[in-house]
Amino acid sequence: NGFEFKNRVTIGNRELCHYELKRSDWQA
């Protein structure tokens, strides 16, 4: 769906893979 992997983050005691999708990138 066009998301880009950014980094791994820790929330609570869980490590998560963090992705982002900007409207401008999605539109393009």
mmCIF file of all heavy atoms, coordinates in Angstrom:
data_MODEL
# 
_entry.id   MODEL 
# 
loop_
_atom_site.group_PDB 
_atom_site.id 
_atom_site.type_symbol 
_atom_site.label_atom_id 
_atom_site.label_alt_id 
_atom_site.label_comp_id 
_atom_site.label_asym_id 
_atom_site.label_entity_id 
_atom_site.label_seq_id 
_atom_site.pdbx_PDB_ins_code 
_atom_site.Cartn_x 
_atom_site.Cartn_y 
_atom_site.Cartn_z 
_atom_site.occupancy 
_atom_site.B_iso_or_equiv 
_atom_site.pdbx_formal_charge 
_atom_site.auth_seq_id 
_atom_site.auth_comp_id 
_atom_site.auth_asym_id 
_atom_site.auth_atom_id 
_atom_site.pdbx_PDB_model_num 
ATOM 1   N N   . ASN A 1 1  ? 0.814  -1.216 0.000  1.00 0.00 ? 1  ASN A N   1 
ATOM 2   C CA  . ASN A 1 1  ? 0.000  0.000  0.000  1.00 0.00 ? 1  ASN A CA  1 
ATOM 3   C C   . ASN A 1 1  ? 0.848  1.267  0.000  1.00 0.00 ? 1  ASN A C   1 
ATOM 4   O O   . ASN A 1 1  ? 0.327  2.356  0.210  1.00 0.00 ? 1  ASN A O   1 
ATOM 5   C CB  . ASN A 1 1  ? -0.969 -0.011 1.182  1.00 0.00 ? 1  ASN A CB  1 
ATOM 6   C CG  . ASN A 1 1  ? -2.229 -0.778 0.857  1.00 0.00 ? 1  ASN A CG  1 
ATOM 7   O OD1 . ASN A 1 1  ? -3.022 -0.325 0.036  1.00 0.00 ? 1  ASN A OD1 1 
ATOM 8   N ND2 . ASN A 1 1  ? -2.413 -1.937 1.459  1.00 0.00 ? 1  ASN A ND2 1 
ATOM 9   N N   . GLY A 1 2  ? 2.147  1.130  -0.241 1.00 0.00 ? 2  GLY A N   1 
ATOM 10  C CA  . GLY A 1 2  ? 3.005  2.298  -0.414 1.00 0.00 ? 2  GLY A CA  1 
ATOM 11  C C   . GLY A 1 2  ? 3.726  2.790  0.826  1.00 0.00 ? 2  GLY A C   1 
ATOM 12  O O   . GLY A 1 2  ? 4.459  3.772  0.764  1.00 0.00 ? 2  GLY A O   1 
ATOM 13  N N   . PHE A 1 3  ? 3.532  2.121  1.966  1.00 0.00 ? 3  PHE A N   1 
ATOM 14  C CA  . PHE A 1 3  ? 4.224  2.540  3.184  1.00 0.00 ? 3  PHE A CA  1 
ATOM 15  C C   . PHE A 1 3  ? 5.722  2.289  3.051  1.00 0.00 ? 3  PHE A C   1 
ATOM 16  O O   . PHE A 1 3  ? 6.143  1.317  2.419  1.00 0.00 ? 3  PHE A O   1 
ATOM 17  C CB  . PHE A 1 3  ? 3.703  1.765  4.404  1.00 0.00 ? 3  PHE A CB  1 
ATOM 18  C CG  . PHE A 1 3  ? 2.375  2.242  4.916  1.00 0.00 ? 3  PHE A CG  1 
ATOM 19  C CD1 . PHE A 1 3  ? 1.200  1.845  4.298  1.00 0.00 ? 3  PHE A CD1 1 
ATOM 20  C CD2 . PHE A 1 3  ? 2.300  3.086  6.021  1.00 0.00 ? 3  PHE A CD2 1 
ATOM 21  C CE1 . PHE A 1 3  ? -0.036 2.265  4.766  1.00 0.00 ? 3  PHE A CE1 1 
ATOM 22  C CE2 . PHE A 1 3  ? 1.068  3.509  6.497  1.00 0.00 ? 3  PHE A CE2 1 
ATOM 23  C CZ  . PHE A 1 3  ? -0.100 3.104  5.860  1.00 0.00 ? 3  PHE A CZ  1 
ATOM 24  N N   . GLU A 1 4  ? 6.491  3.144  3.691  1.00 0.00 ? 4  GLU A N   1 
ATOM 25  C CA  . GLU A 1 4  ? 7.943  3.012  3.709  1.00 0.00 ? 4  GLU A CA  1 
ATOM 26  C C   . GLU A 1 4  ? 8.402  2.672  5.128  1.00 0.00 ? 4  GLU A C   1 
ATOM 27  O O   . GLU A 1 4  ? 8.000  3.339  6.091  1.00 0.00 ? 4  GLU A O   1 
ATOM 28  C CB  . GLU A 1 4  ? 8.577  4.338  3.266  1.00 0.00 ? 4  GLU A CB  1 
ATOM 29  C CG  . GLU A 1 4  ? 10.081 4.318  3.217  1.00 0.00 ? 4  GLU A CG  1 
ATOM 30  C CD  . GLU A 1 4  ? 10.652 5.656  2.764  1.00 0.00 ? 4  GLU A CD  1 
ATOM 31  O OE1 . GLU A 1 4  ? 9.952  6.428  2.079  1.00 0.00 ? 4  GLU A OE1 1 
ATOM 32  O OE2 . GLU A 1 4  ? 11.810 5.930  3.135  1.00 0.00 ? 4  GLU A OE2 1 
ATOM 33  N N   . PHE A 1 5  ? 9.230  1.630  5.234  1.00 0.00 ? 5  PHE A N   1 
ATOM 34  C CA  . PHE A 1 5  ? 9.793  1.267  6.533  1.00 0.00 ? 5  PHE A CA  1 
ATOM 35  C C   . PHE A 1 5  ? 10.711 2.391  6.986  1.00 0.00 ? 5  PHE A C   1 
ATOM 36  O O   . PHE A 1 5  ? 11.555 2.865  6.232  1.00 0.00 ? 5  PHE A O   1 
ATOM 37  C CB  . PHE A 1 5  ? 10.574 -0.049 6.443  1.00 0.00 ? 5  PHE A CB  1 
ATOM 38  C CG  . PHE A 1 5  ? 11.287 -0.395 7.723  1.00 0.00 ? 5  PHE A CG  1 
ATOM 39  C CD1 . PHE A 1 5  ? 10.596 -0.899 8.807  1.00 0.00 ? 5  PHE A CD1 1 
ATOM 40  C CD2 . PHE A 1 5  ? 12.653 -0.176 7.847  1.00 0.00 ? 5  PHE A CD2 1 
ATOM 41  C CE1 . PHE A 1 5  ? 11.246 -1.194 9.994  1.00 0.00 ? 5  PHE A CE1 1 
ATOM 42  C CE2 . PHE A 1 5  ? 13.316 -0.476 9.030  1.00 0.00 ? 5  PHE A CE2 1 
ATOM 43  C CZ  . PHE A 1 5  ? 12.611 -0.992 10.100 1.00 0.00 ? 5  PHE A CZ  1 
ATOM 44  N N   . LYS A 1 6  ? 10.569 2.816  8.233  1.00 0.00 ? 6  LYS A N   1 
ATOM 45  C CA  . LYS A 1 6  ? 11.391 3.899  8.779  1.00 0.00 ? 6  LYS A CA  1 
ATOM 46  C C   . LYS A 1 6  ? 12.392 3.386  9.803  1.00 0.00 ? 6  LYS A C   1 
ATOM 47  O O   . LYS A 1 6  ? 13.574 3.709  9.735  1.00 0.00 ? 6  LYS A O   1 
ATOM 48  C CB  . LYS A 1 6  ? 10.508 4.984  9.417  1.00 0.00 ? 6  LYS A CB  1 
ATOM 49  C CG  . LYS A 1 6  ? 9.675  5.746  8.429  1.00 0.00 ? 6  LYS A CG  1 
ATOM 50  C CD  . LYS A 1 6  ? 10.569 6.510  7.469  1.00 0.00 ? 6  LYS A CD  1 
ATOM 51  C CE  . LYS A 1 6  ? 9.785  7.409  6.550  1.00 0.00 ? 6  LYS A CE  1 
ATOM 52  N NZ  . LYS A 1 6  ? 10.638 8.188  5.668  1.00 0.00 ? 6  LYS A NZ  1 
ATOM 53  N N   . ASN A 1 7  ? 11.915 2.642  10.803 1.00 0.00 ? 7  ASN A N   1 
ATOM 54  C CA  . ASN A 1 7  ? 12.808 2.179  11.862 1.00 0.00 ? 7  ASN A CA  1 
ATOM 55  C C   . ASN A 1 7  ? 12.066 1.208  12.767 1.00 0.00 ? 7  ASN A C   1 
ATOM 56  O O   . ASN A 1 7  ? 10.892 0.931  12.566 1.00 0.00 ? 7  ASN A O   1 
ATOM 57  C CB  . ASN A 1 7  ? 13.355 3.362  12.671 1.00 0.00 ? 7  ASN A CB  1 
ATOM 58  C CG  . ASN A 1 7  ? 12.254 4.212  13.292 1.00 0.00 ? 7  ASN A CG  1 
ATOM 59  O OD1 . ASN A 1 7  ? 11.076 4.017  13.065 1.00 0.00 ? 7  ASN A OD1 1 
ATOM 60  N ND2 . ASN A 1 7  ? 12.642 5.175  14.090 1.00 0.00 ? 7  ASN A ND2 1 
ATOM 61  N N   . ARG A 1 8  ? 12.771 0.730  13.757 1.00 0.00 ? 8  ARG A N   1 
ATOM 62  C CA  . ARG A 1 8  ? 12.135 -0.081 14.799 1.00 0.00 ? 8  ARG A CA  1 
ATOM 63  C C   . ARG A 1 8  ? 11.959 0.805  16.020 1.00 0.00 ? 8  ARG A C   1 
ATOM 64  O O   . ARG A 1 8  ? 12.836 1.609  16.344 1.00 0.00 ? 8  ARG A O   1 
ATOM 65  C CB  . ARG A 1 8  ? 12.986 -1.300 15.137 1.00 0.00 ? 8  ARG A CB  1 
ATOM 66  C CG  . ARG A 1 8  ? 12.960 -2.316 14.008 1.00 0.00 ? 8  ARG A CG  1 
ATOM 67  C CD  . ARG A 1 8  ? 13.634 -3.590 14.409 1.00 0.00 ? 8  ARG A CD  1 
ATOM 68  N NE  . ARG A 1 8  ? 13.549 -4.546 13.315 1.00 0.00 ? 8  ARG A NE  1 
ATOM 69  C CZ  . ARG A 1 8  ? 13.421 -5.838 13.475 1.00 0.00 ? 8  ARG A CZ  1 
ATOM 70  N NH1 . ARG A 1 8  ? 13.376 -6.363 14.679 1.00 0.00 ? 8  ARG A NH1 1 
ATOM 71  N NH2 . ARG A 1 8  ? 13.355 -6.643 12.439 1.00 0.00 ? 8  ARG A NH2 1 
ATOM 72  N N   . VAL A 1 9  ? 10.811 0.671  16.653 1.00 0.00 ? 9  VAL A N   1 
ATOM 73  C CA  . VAL A 1 9  ? 10.514 1.460  17.845 1.00 0.00 ? 9  VAL A CA  1 
ATOM 74  C C   . VAL A 1 9  ? 10.106 0.507  18.957 1.00 0.00 ? 9  VAL A C   1 
ATOM 75  O O   . VAL A 1 9  ? 9.631  -0.600 18.706 1.00 0.00 ? 9  VAL A O   1 
ATOM 76  C CB  . VAL A 1 9  ? 9.380  2.491  17.581 1.00 0.00 ? 9  VAL A CB  1 
ATOM 77  C CG1 . VAL A 1 9  ? 9.797  3.511  16.549 1.00 0.00 ? 9  VAL A CG1 1 
ATOM 78  C CG2 . VAL A 1 9  ? 8.088  1.813  17.168 1.00 0.00 ? 9  VAL A CG2 1 
ATOM 79  N N   . THR A 1 10 ? 10.304 0.942  20.184 1.00 0.00 ? 10 THR A N   1 
ATOM 80  C CA  . THR A 1 10 ? 9.869  0.159  21.331 1.00 0.00 ? 10 THR A CA  1 
ATOM 81  C C   . THR A 1 10 ? 8.730  0.907  21.998 1.00 0.00 ? 10 THR A C   1 
ATOM 82  O O   . THR A 1 10 ? 8.865  2.081  22.356 1.00 0.00 ? 10 THR A O   1 
ATOM 83  C CB  . THR A 1 10 ? 11.027 -0.064 22.325 1.00 0.00 ? 10 THR A CB  1 
ATOM 84  O OG1 . THR A 1 10 ? 12.081 -0.743 21.644 1.00 0.00 ? 10 THR A OG1 1 
ATOM 85  C CG2 . THR A 1 10 ? 10.573 -0.908 23.506 1.00 0.00 ? 10 THR A CG2 1 
ATOM 86  N N   . ILE A 1 11 ? 7.608  0.219  22.121 1.00 0.00 ? 11 ILE A N   1 
ATOM 87  C CA  . ILE A 1 11 ? 6.442  0.782  22.793 1.00 0.00 ? 11 ILE A CA  1 
ATOM 88  C C   . ILE A 1 11 ? 6.069  -0.195 23.891 1.00 0.00 ? 11 ILE A C   1 
ATOM 89  O O   . ILE A 1 11 ? 5.807  -1.367 23.625 1.00 0.00 ? 11 ILE A O   1 
ATOM 90  C CB  . ILE A 1 11 ? 5.281  1.001  21.810 1.00 0.00 ? 11 ILE A CB  1 
ATOM 91  C CG1 . ILE A 1 11 ? 5.720  2.008  20.743 1.00 0.00 ? 11 ILE A CG1 1 
ATOM 92  C CG2 . ILE A 1 11 ? 4.033  1.476  22.542 1.00 0.00 ? 11 ILE A CG2 1 
ATOM 93  C CD1 . ILE A 1 11 ? 4.700  2.271  19.677 1.00 0.00 ? 11 ILE A CD1 1 
ATOM 94  N N   . GLY A 1 12 ? 6.060  0.316  25.127 1.00 0.00 ? 12 GLY A N   1 
ATOM 95  C CA  . GLY A 1 12 ? 5.900  -0.587 26.264 1.00 0.00 ? 12 GLY A CA  1 
ATOM 96  C C   . GLY A 1 12 ? 7.114  -1.503 26.282 1.00 0.00 ? 12 GLY A C   1 
ATOM 97  O O   . GLY A 1 12 ? 8.244  -1.039 26.257 1.00 0.00 ? 12 GLY A O   1 
ATOM 98  N N   . ASN A 1 13 ? 6.886  -2.777 26.267 1.00 0.00 ? 13 ASN A N   1 
ATOM 99  C CA  . ASN A 1 13 ? 8.012  -3.717 26.223 1.00 0.00 ? 13 ASN A CA  1 
ATOM 100 C C   . ASN A 1 13 ? 8.065  -4.453 24.883 1.00 0.00 ? 13 ASN A C   1 
ATOM 101 O O   . ASN A 1 13 ? 8.711  -5.490 24.784 1.00 0.00 ? 13 ASN A O   1 
ATOM 102 C CB  . ASN A 1 13 ? 7.909  -4.725 27.377 1.00 0.00 ? 13 ASN A CB  1 
ATOM 103 C CG  . ASN A 1 13 ? 6.635  -5.558 27.292 1.00 0.00 ? 13 ASN A CG  1 
ATOM 104 O OD1 . ASN A 1 13 ? 5.745  -5.261 26.515 1.00 0.00 ? 13 ASN A OD1 1 
ATOM 105 N ND2 . ASN A 1 13 ? 6.562  -6.601 28.096 1.00 0.00 ? 13 ASN A ND2 1 
ATOM 106 N N   . ARG A 1 14 ? 7.390  -3.923 23.846 1.00 0.00 ? 14 ARG A N   1 
ATOM 107 C CA  . ARG A 1 14 ? 7.332  -4.581 22.542 1.00 0.00 ? 14 ARG A CA  1 
ATOM 108 C C   . ARG A 1 14 ? 8.100  -3.782 21.506 1.00 0.00 ? 14 ARG A C   1 
ATOM 109 O O   . ARG A 1 14 ? 7.924  -2.566 21.381 1.00 0.00 ? 14 ARG A O   1 
ATOM 110 C CB  . ARG A 1 14 ? 5.881  -4.710 22.056 1.00 0.00 ? 14 ARG A CB  1 
ATOM 111 C CG  . ARG A 1 14 ? 4.876  -5.341 22.979 1.00 0.00 ? 14 ARG A CG  1 
ATOM 112 C CD  . ARG A 1 14 ? 4.943  -6.828 23.169 1.00 0.00 ? 14 ARG A CD  1 
ATOM 113 N NE  . ARG A 1 14 ? 4.751  -7.708 22.071 1.00 0.00 ? 14 ARG A NE  1 
ATOM 114 C CZ  . ARG A 1 14 ? 3.615  -8.335 21.771 1.00 0.00 ? 14 ARG A CZ  1 
ATOM 115 N NH1 . ARG A 1 14 ? 2.531  -8.117 22.475 1.00 0.00 ? 14 ARG A NH1 1 
ATOM 116 N NH2 . ARG A 1 14 ? 3.569  -9.170 20.768 1.00 0.00 ? 14 ARG A NH2 1 
ATOM 117 N N   . GLU A 1 15 ? 8.925  -4.476 20.754 1.00 0.00 ? 15 GLU A N   1 
ATOM 118 C CA  . GLU A 1 15 ? 9.585  -3.849 19.626 1.00 0.00 ? 15 GLU A CA  1 
ATOM 119 C C   . GLU A 1 15 ? 8.672  -3.958 18.410 1.00 0.00 ? 15 GLU A C   1 
ATOM 120 O O   . GLU A 1 15 ? 8.101  -5.017 18.143 1.00 0.00 ? 15 GLU A O   1 
ATOM 121 C CB  . GLU A 1 15 ? 10.921 -4.529 19.326 1.00 0.00 ? 15 GLU A CB  1 
ATOM 122 C CG  . GLU A 1 15 ? 11.660 -3.857 18.186 1.00 0.00 ? 15 GLU A CG  1 
ATOM 123 C CD  . GLU A 1 15 ? 12.974 -4.526 17.857 1.00 0.00 ? 15 GLU A CD  1 
ATOM 124 O OE1 . GLU A 1 15 ? 12.957 -5.726 17.518 1.00 0.00 ? 15 GLU A OE1 1 
ATOM 125 O OE2 . GLU A 1 15 ? 13.996 -3.841 17.937 1.00 0.00 ? 15 GLU A OE2 1 
ATOM 126 N N   . LEU A 1 16 ? 8.529  -2.853 17.678 1.00 0.00 ? 16 LEU A N   1 
ATOM 127 C CA  . LEU A 1 16 ? 7.659  -2.813 16.507 1.00 0.00 ? 16 LEU A CA  1 
ATOM 128 C C   . LEU A 1 16 ? 8.411  -2.225 15.319 1.00 0.00 ? 16 LEU A C   1 
ATOM 129 O O   . LEU A 1 16 ? 9.260  -1.336 15.485 1.00 0.00 ? 16 LEU A O   1 
ATOM 130 C CB  . LEU A 1 16 ? 6.424  -1.957 16.787 1.00 0.00 ? 16 LEU A CB  1 
ATOM 131 C CG  . LEU A 1 16 ? 5.542  -2.382 17.952 1.00 0.00 ? 16 LEU A CG  1 
ATOM 132 C CD1 . LEU A 1 16 ? 4.523  -1.303 18.272 1.00 0.00 ? 16 LEU A CD1 1 
ATOM 133 C CD2 . LEU A 1 16 ? 4.850  -3.691 17.636 1.00 0.00 ? 16 LEU A CD2 1 
ATOM 134 N N   . CYS A 1 17 ? 8.096  -2.703 14.129 1.00 0.00 ? 17 CYS A N   1 
ATOM 135 C CA  . CYS A 1 17 ? 8.601  -2.115 12.896 1.00 0.00 ? 17 CYS A CA  1 
ATOM 136 C C   . CYS A 1 17 ? 7.664  -0.962 12.524 1.00 0.00 ? 17 CYS A C   1 
ATOM 137 O O   . CYS A 1 17 ? 6.451  -1.143 12.458 1.00 0.00 ? 17 CYS A O   1 
ATOM 138 C CB  . CYS A 1 17 ? 8.635  -3.163 11.786 1.00 0.00 ? 17 CYS A CB  1 
ATOM 139 S SG  . CYS A 1 17 ? 9.727  -4.549 12.138 1.00 0.00 ? 17 CYS A SG  1 
ATOM 140 N N   . HIS A 1 18 ? 8.227  0.208  12.300 1.00 0.00 ? 18 HIS A N   1 
ATOM 141 C CA  . HIS A 1 18 ? 7.456  1.442  12.091 1.00 0.00 ? 18 HIS A CA  1 
ATOM 142 C C   . HIS A 1 18 ? 7.527  1.856  10.620 1.00 0.00 ? 18 HIS A C   1 
ATOM 143 O O   . HIS A 1 18 ? 8.615  1.998  10.057 1.00 0.00 ? 18 HIS A O   1 
ATOM 144 C CB  . HIS A 1 18 ? 8.031  2.552  12.984 1.00 0.00 ? 18 HIS A CB  1 
ATOM 145 C CG  . HIS A 1 18 ? 7.400  3.880  12.796 1.00 0.00 ? 18 HIS A CG  1 
ATOM 146 N ND1 . HIS A 1 18 ? 6.273  4.258  13.480 1.00 0.00 ? 18 HIS A ND1 1 
ATOM 147 C CD2 . HIS A 1 18 ? 7.728  4.922  11.990 1.00 0.00 ? 18 HIS A CD2 1 
ATOM 148 C CE1 . HIS A 1 18 ? 5.946  5.497  13.122 1.00 0.00 ? 18 HIS A CE1 1 
ATOM 149 N NE2 . HIS A 1 18 ? 6.807  5.904  12.218 1.00 0.00 ? 18 HIS A NE2 1 
ATOM 150 N N   . TYR A 1 19 ? 6.347  2.064  10.019 1.00 0.00 ? 19 TYR A N   1 
ATOM 151 C CA  . TYR A 1 19 ? 6.234  2.479  8.627  1.00 0.00 ? 19 TYR A CA  1 
ATOM 152 C C   . TYR A 1 19 ? 5.454  3.788  8.554  1.00 0.00 ? 19 TYR A C   1 
ATOM 153 O O   . TYR A 1 19 ? 4.652  4.085  9.434  1.00 0.00 ? 19 TYR A O   1 
ATOM 154 C CB  . TYR A 1 19 ? 5.448  1.436  7.823  1.00 0.00 ? 19 TYR A CB  1 
ATOM 155 C CG  . TYR A 1 19 ? 6.126  0.104  7.670  1.00 0.00 ? 19 TYR A CG  1 
ATOM 156 C CD1 . TYR A 1 19 ? 6.228  -0.779 8.741  1.00 0.00 ? 19 TYR A CD1 1 
ATOM 157 C CD2 . TYR A 1 19 ? 6.645  -0.297 6.440  1.00 0.00 ? 19 TYR A CD2 1 
ATOM 158 C CE1 . TYR A 1 19 ? 6.832  -2.013 8.594  1.00 0.00 ? 19 TYR A CE1 1 
ATOM 159 C CE2 . TYR A 1 19 ? 7.254  -1.540 6.287  1.00 0.00 ? 19 TYR A CE2 1 
ATOM 160 C CZ  . TYR A 1 19 ? 7.343  -2.387 7.366  1.00 0.00 ? 19 TYR A CZ  1 
ATOM 161 O OH  . TYR A 1 19 ? 7.945  -3.608 7.212  1.00 0.00 ? 19 TYR A OH  1 
ATOM 162 N N   . GLU A 1 20 ? 5.669  4.523  7.470  1.00 0.00 ? 20 GLU A N   1 
ATOM 163 C CA  . GLU A 1 20 ? 4.945  5.769  7.260  1.00 0.00 ? 20 GLU A CA  1 
ATOM 164 C C   . GLU A 1 20 ? 4.519  5.889  5.804  1.00 0.00 ? 20 GLU A C   1 
ATOM 165 O O   . GLU A 1 20 ? 5.217  5.417  4.899  1.00 0.00 ? 20 GLU A O   1 
ATOM 166 C CB  . GLU A 1 20 ? 5.811  6.981  7.621  1.00 0.00 ? 20 GLU A CB  1 
ATOM 167 C CG  . GLU A 1 20 ? 6.149  7.044  9.094  1.00 0.00 ? 20 GLU A CG  1 
ATOM 168 C CD  . GLU A 1 20 ? 6.961  8.278  9.469  1.00 0.00 ? 20 GLU A CD  1 
ATOM 169 O OE1 . GLU A 1 20 ? 7.325  9.090  8.571  1.00 0.00 ? 20 GLU A OE1 1 
ATOM 170 O OE2 . GLU A 1 20 ? 7.227  8.432  10.672 1.00 0.00 ? 20 GLU A OE2 1 
ATOM 171 N N   . LEU A 1 21 ? 3.379  6.534  5.603  1.00 0.00 ? 21 LEU A N   1 
ATOM 172 C CA  . LEU A 1 21 ? 2.891  6.854  4.266  1.00 0.00 ? 21 LEU A CA  1 
ATOM 173 C C   . LEU A 1 21 ? 2.408  8.297  4.285  1.00 0.00 ? 21 LEU A C   1 
ATOM 174 O O   . LEU A 1 21 ? 1.471  8.631  5.011  1.00 0.00 ? 21 LEU A O   1 
ATOM 175 C CB  . LEU A 1 21 ? 1.756  5.914  3.850  1.00 0.00 ? 21 LEU A CB  1 
ATOM 176 C CG  . LEU A 1 21 ? 1.121  6.161  2.473  1.00 0.00 ? 21 LEU A CG  1 
ATOM 177 C CD1 . LEU A 1 21 ? 2.147  6.062  1.346  1.00 0.00 ? 21 LEU A CD1 1 
ATOM 178 C CD2 . LEU A 1 21 ? -0.037 5.193  2.250  1.00 0.00 ? 21 LEU A CD2 1 
ATOM 179 N N   . LYS A 1 22 ? 3.062  9.142  3.501  1.00 0.00 ? 22 LYS A N   1 
ATOM 180 C CA  . LYS A 1 22 ? 2.646  10.538 3.369  1.00 0.00 ? 22 LYS A CA  1 
ATOM 181 C C   . LYS A 1 22 ? 1.621  10.651 2.247  1.00 0.00 ? 22 LYS A C   1 
ATOM 182 O O   . LYS A 1 22 ? 1.701  9.947  1.245  1.00 0.00 ? 22 LYS A O   1 
ATOM 183 C CB  . LYS A 1 22 ? 3.852  11.421 3.046  1.00 0.00 ? 22 LYS A CB  1 
ATOM 184 C CG  . LYS A 1 22 ? 4.872  11.482 4.147  1.00 0.00 ? 22 LYS A CG  1 
ATOM 185 C CD  . LYS A 1 22 ? 6.074  12.307 3.720  1.00 0.00 ? 22 LYS A CD  1 
ATOM 186 C CE  . LYS A 1 22 ? 7.137  12.244 4.803  1.00 0.00 ? 22 LYS A CE  1 
ATOM 187 N NZ  . LYS A 1 22 ? 8.407  12.783 4.315  1.00 0.00 ? 22 LYS A NZ  1 
ATOM 188 N N   . ARG A 1 23 ? 0.681  11.557 2.434  1.00 0.00 ? 23 ARG A N   1 
ATOM 189 C CA  . ARG A 1 23 ? -0.351 11.773 1.415  1.00 0.00 ? 23 ARG A CA  1 
ATOM 190 C C   . ARG A 1 23 ? 0.290  12.057 0.053  1.00 0.00 ? 23 ARG A C   1 
ATOM 191 O O   . ARG A 1 23 ? -0.128 11.497 -0.960 1.00 0.00 ? 23 ARG A O   1 
ATOM 192 C CB  . ARG A 1 23 ? -1.271 12.931 1.789  1.00 0.00 ? 23 ARG A CB  1 
ATOM 193 C CG  . ARG A 1 23 ? -2.322 13.204 0.707  1.00 0.00 ? 23 ARG A CG  1 
ATOM 194 C CD  . ARG A 1 23 ? -2.871 14.618 0.768  1.00 0.00 ? 23 ARG A CD  1 
ATOM 195 N NE  . ARG A 1 23 ? -3.590 14.903 1.967  1.00 0.00 ? 23 ARG A NE  1 
ATOM 196 C CZ  . ARG A 1 23 ? -4.918 14.982 2.050  1.00 0.00 ? 23 ARG A CZ  1 
ATOM 197 N NH1 . ARG A 1 23 ? -5.655 14.755 0.993  1.00 0.00 ? 23 ARG A NH1 1 
ATOM 198 N NH2 . ARG A 1 23 ? -5.501 15.281 3.172  1.00 0.00 ? 23 ARG A NH2 1 
ATOM 199 N N   . SER A 1 24 ? 1.306  12.901 0.016  1.00 0.00 ? 24 SER A N   1 
ATOM 200 C CA  . SER A 1 24 ? 1.936  13.268 -1.255 1.00 0.00 ? 24 SER A CA  1 
ATOM 201 C C   . SER A 1 24 ? 2.550  12.043 -1.941 1.00 0.00 ? 24 SER A C   1 
ATOM 202 O O   . SER A 1 24 ? 2.457  11.902 -3.162 1.00 0.00 ? 24 SER A O   1 
ATOM 203 C CB  . SER A 1 24 ? 2.982  14.360 -1.052 1.00 0.00 ? 24 SER A CB  1 
ATOM 204 O OG  . SER A 1 24 ? 3.974  13.926 -0.128 1.00 0.00 ? 24 SER A OG  1 
ATOM 205 N N   . ASP A 1 25 ? 3.166  11.155 -1.189 1.00 0.00 ? 25 ASP A N   1 
ATOM 206 C CA  . ASP A 1 25 ? 3.739  9.938  -1.770 1.00 0.00 ? 25 ASP A CA  1 
ATOM 207 C C   . ASP A 1 25 ? 2.635  9.008  -2.258 1.00 0.00 ? 25 ASP A C   1 
ATOM 208 O O   . ASP A 1 25 ? 2.755  8.385  -3.316 1.00 0.00 ? 25 ASP A O   1 
ATOM 209 C CB  . ASP A 1 25 ? 4.622  9.205  -0.750 1.00 0.00 ? 25 ASP A CB  1 
ATOM 210 C CG  . ASP A 1 25 ? 5.867  10.000 -0.382 1.00 0.00 ? 25 ASP A CG  1 
ATOM 211 O OD1 . ASP A 1 25 ? 6.275  10.883 -1.168 1.00 0.00 ? 25 ASP A OD1 1 
ATOM 212 O OD2 . ASP A 1 25 ? 6.423  9.730  0.701  1.00 0.00 ? 25 ASP A OD2 1 
ATOM 213 N N   . TRP A 1 26 ? 1.565  8.916  -1.491 1.00 0.00 ? 26 TRP A N   1 
ATOM 214 C CA  . TRP A 1 26 ? 0.431  8.061  -1.869 1.00 0.00 ? 26 TRP A CA  1 
ATOM 215 C C   . TRP A 1 26 ? -0.219 8.568  -3.154 1.00 0.00 ? 26 TRP A C   1 
ATOM 216 O O   . TRP A 1 26 ? -0.527 7.784  -4.049 1.00 0.00 ? 26 TRP A O   1 
ATOM 217 C CB  . TRP A 1 26 ? -0.564 8.027  -0.709 1.00 0.00 ? 26 TRP A CB  1 
ATOM 218 C CG  . TRP A 1 26 ? -1.834 7.313  -0.991 1.00 0.00 ? 26 TRP A CG  1 
ATOM 219 C CD1 . TRP A 1 26 ? -2.040 5.955  -1.022 1.00 0.00 ? 26 TRP A CD1 1 
ATOM 220 C CD2 . TRP A 1 26 ? -3.094 7.905  -1.270 1.00 0.00 ? 26 TRP A CD2 1 
ATOM 221 N NE1 . TRP A 1 26 ? -3.354 5.676  -1.302 1.00 0.00 ? 26 TRP A NE1 1 
ATOM 222 C CE2 . TRP A 1 26 ? -4.016 6.857  -1.453 1.00 0.00 ? 26 TRP A CE2 1 
ATOM 223 C CE3 . TRP A 1 26 ? -3.541 9.219  -1.374 1.00 0.00 ? 26 TRP A CE3 1 
ATOM 224 C CZ2 . TRP A 1 26 ? -5.352 7.082  -1.746 1.00 0.00 ? 26 TRP A CZ2 1 
ATOM 225 C CZ3 . TRP A 1 26 ? -4.880 9.448  -1.656 1.00 0.00 ? 26 TRP A CZ3 1 
ATOM 226 C CH2 . TRP A 1 26 ? -5.759 8.394  -1.837 1.00 0.00 ? 26 TRP A CH2 1 
ATOM 227 N N   . GLN A 1 27 ? -0.397 9.894  -3.249 1.00 0.00 ? 27 GLN A N   1 
ATOM 228 C CA  . GLN A 1 27 ? -1.027 10.464 -4.439 1.00 0.00 ? 27 GLN A CA  1 
ATOM 229 C C   . GLN A 1 27 ? -0.178 10.240 -5.691 1.00 0.00 ? 27 GLN A C   1 
ATOM 230 O O   . GLN A 1 27 ? -0.704 10.033 -6.776 1.00 0.00 ? 27 GLN A O   1 
ATOM 231 C CB  . GLN A 1 27 ? -1.256 11.967 -4.255 1.00 0.00 ? 27 GLN A CB  1 
ATOM 232 C CG  . GLN A 1 27 ? -2.365 12.283 -3.283 1.00 0.00 ? 27 GLN A CG  1 
ATOM 233 C CD  . GLN A 1 27 ? -2.473 13.757 -2.963 1.00 0.00 ? 27 GLN A CD  1 
ATOM 234 O OE1 . GLN A 1 27 ? -1.467 14.467 -2.886 1.00 0.00 ? 27 GLN A OE1 1 
ATOM 235 N NE2 . GLN A 1 27 ? -3.700 14.219 -2.765 1.00 0.00 ? 27 GLN A NE2 1 
ATOM 236 N N   . ALA A 1 28 ? 1.142  10.230 -5.508 1.00 0.00 ? 28 ALA A N   1 
ATOM 237 C CA  . ALA A 1 28 ? 2.054  10.085 -6.642 1.00 0.00 ? 28 ALA A CA  1 
ATOM 238 C C   . ALA A 1 28 ? 2.297  8.624  -7.035 1.00 0.00 ? 28 ALA A C   1 
ATOM 239 O O   . ALA A 1 28 ? 2.862  8.367  -8.096 1.00 0.00 ? 28 ALA A O   1 
ATOM 240 C CB  . ALA A 1 28 ? 3.385  10.754 -6.305 1.00 0.00 ? 28 ALA A CB  1 
# 
